[in-house]
Amino acid sequence: MTNDDPTLIRSAKSQRILVDGLPFAIEIFRLDHHADWTLEVVDPDGTSHVWDDTFKKDKSARDEAIRALQVGATAFMSDLGDRSVSLQ
């Protein structure tokens, strides 16, 4: 019996960040046979937010996640308001 499931590659650019003390997980990954990276942000409630678009570079995905949290954290958590983002 062989395992035909594709291998998931996790980027070293994946990280946890704090938005005014609240933890968000930036997860960047791709399948072993695909070149493009997928971006997922998990908010403090454990809700997963996955981008429809993929990214050619994992750094671009990471930069997009940080940008989205800086200008639109309320899209992730309605009670955040204007917040600062710091790398953890």
Protein backbone atom coordinates (compact mmCIF):
# COMPACT_ATOMS: atom_id res chain seq x y z
CA MET A 1 0.00 0.00 0.00
CA THR A 2 1.42 3.38 -1.00
CA ASN A 3 0.66 6.80 0.35
CA ASP A 4 -0.51 8.96 -2.56
CA ASP A 5 -1.21 12.01 -0.41
CA PRO A 6 0.85 15.03 -1.45
CA THR A 7 3.43 16.38 0.95
CA LEU A 8 2.67 19.76 2.51
CA ILE A 9 5.68 22.10 2.65
CA ARG A 10 5.53 24.74 5.43
CA SER A 11 7.46 27.94 4.78
CA ALA A 12 10.06 29.21 7.22
CA LYS A 13 8.25 32.57 6.78
CA SER A 14 5.28 31.20 8.76
CA GLN A 15 5.17 32.89 12.13
CA ARG A 16 3.08 34.10 15.03
CA ILE A 17 2.49 37.80 15.52
CA LEU A 18 0.78 39.90 18.14
CA VAL A 19 -1.79 42.55 17.30
CA ASP A 20 -2.13 44.58 20.50
CA GLY A 21 -1.36 41.52 22.56
CA LEU A 22 -3.66 39.15 20.65
CA PRO A 23 -1.96 36.24 18.88
CA PHE A 24 -2.39 35.61 15.16
CA ALA A 25 -0.73 32.74 13.29
CA ILE A 26 0.52 33.36 9.77
CA GLU A 27 0.75 30.01 8.00
CA ILE A 28 2.34 29.81 4.56
CA PHE A 29 2.47 26.49 2.77
CA ARG A 30 2.46 24.73 -0.59
CA LEU A 31 2.15 21.23 -1.92
CA ASP A 32 5.45 19.59 -2.84
CA HIS A 33 4.56 19.52 -6.54
CA HIS A 34 3.30 23.14 -6.71
CA ALA A 35 5.43 26.27 -6.89
CA ASP A 36 2.88 28.77 -5.53
CA TRP A 37 2.36 29.43 -1.82
CA THR A 38 -0.98 29.54 0.02
CA LEU A 39 -1.58 32.03 2.84
CA GLU A 40 -3.67 31.34 5.92
CA VAL A 41 -4.09 33.58 8.98
CA VAL A 42 -5.58 32.06 12.11
CA ASP A 43 -7.08 34.61 14.48
CA PRO A 44 -7.20 34.41 18.30
CA ASP A 45 -10.60 32.67 18.16
CA GLY A 46 -9.08 29.91 16.01
CA THR A 47 -10.88 31.03 12.85
CA SER A 48 -8.92 30.29 9.69
CA HIS A 49 -8.74 32.94 6.95
CA VAL A 50 -7.31 31.56 3.68
CA TRP A 51 -6.51 33.82 0.73
CA ASP A 52 -8.04 32.82 -2.60
CA ASP A 53 -4.97 34.03 -4.46
CA THR A 54 -1.64 32.24 -4.21
CA PHE A 55 1.81 33.80 -4.09
CA LYS A 56 4.94 33.15 -6.16
CA LYS A 57 7.16 33.78 -3.13
CA ASP A 58 6.57 32.93 0.51
CA LYS A 59 7.93 36.35 1.50
CA SER A 60 5.18 38.00 -0.56
CA ALA A 61 2.56 35.94 1.29
CA ARG A 62 4.03 36.91 4.66
CA ASP A 63 4.16 40.59 3.67
CA GLU A 64 0.51 40.46 2.55
CA ALA A 65 -0.60 38.95 5.86
CA ILE A 66 1.20 41.62 7.88
CA ARG A 67 -0.20 44.36 5.64
CA ALA A 68 -3.73 43.00 5.99
CA LEU A 69 -3.45 42.86 9.77
CA GLN A 70 -2.01 46.38 9.96
CA VAL A 71 -4.72 48.06 7.90
CA GLY A 72 -7.60 45.69 8.46
CA ALA A 73 -7.33 43.70 11.64
CA THR A 74 -11.06 44.31 12.10
CA ALA A 75 -11.61 41.98 9.13
CA PHE A 76 -10.20 39.25 11.38
CA MET A 77 -11.58 40.39 14.73
CA SER A 78 -14.39 42.95 14.69
CA ASP A 79 -13.44 44.39 18.08
CA LEU A 80 -9.77 45.13 17.35
CA GLY A 81 -10.11 48.58 15.81
CA ASP A 82 -6.89 50.38 14.84
CA ARG A 83 -4.04 48.34 16.25
CA SER A 84 -0.32 48.03 15.90
CA VAL A 85 1.36 44.84 14.78
CA SER A 86 4.59 43.52 16.29
CA LEU A 87 6.53 40.42 15.38
CA GLN A 88 6.73 37.86 18.16
